[in-house]
């Protein structure tokens, strides 16, 4: 159970976001956990709110976007949530627990970060996942026909991790 302070912080954050969106005359609607929103060939599902976990289905690919998830929560999510076959995991580059990665088993991982946790990178390499990160590869682009491309030329996908 969340403490009253955490609940209050959540309410303040939601109200701040709603106020910011309203001030720009934009539409804002919270998404309930488990609800799927579809937009043509793309759908979005909020899997978890705290920490934020979002599942996007783009054509025939499943992308999982993770907020910052503490190790204990990763362990809990690995046991309690069944994820579909993932093509892409997008996260902060911070440490991911081995059992969490085993539960996810993405083919490709993208870190929005200048650095990637060395142990997590090693786990990904050992599992033969392709790893991109913005600090090394620049912007990362995906198209259905062309796959993934980076803006930095001549990169090495293999990572030298102790």
Foldseek 3Di string as FASTA:
>chain_A
DDDPVVVVVVVVVVVVVVVVCVVVVHDDDDDDAPDWDDDVQKIKGFPDVVFTWIWMQHNNAIEIETEDDDAVVLVVCLPPPQDDQHQEYEYALEDHDLSSCVRHVHQEYEHAYLHHDLVRLVSCVVSNHFYYYCNQFNDWDQDPVPGIDGPDPDDDRDDDGD
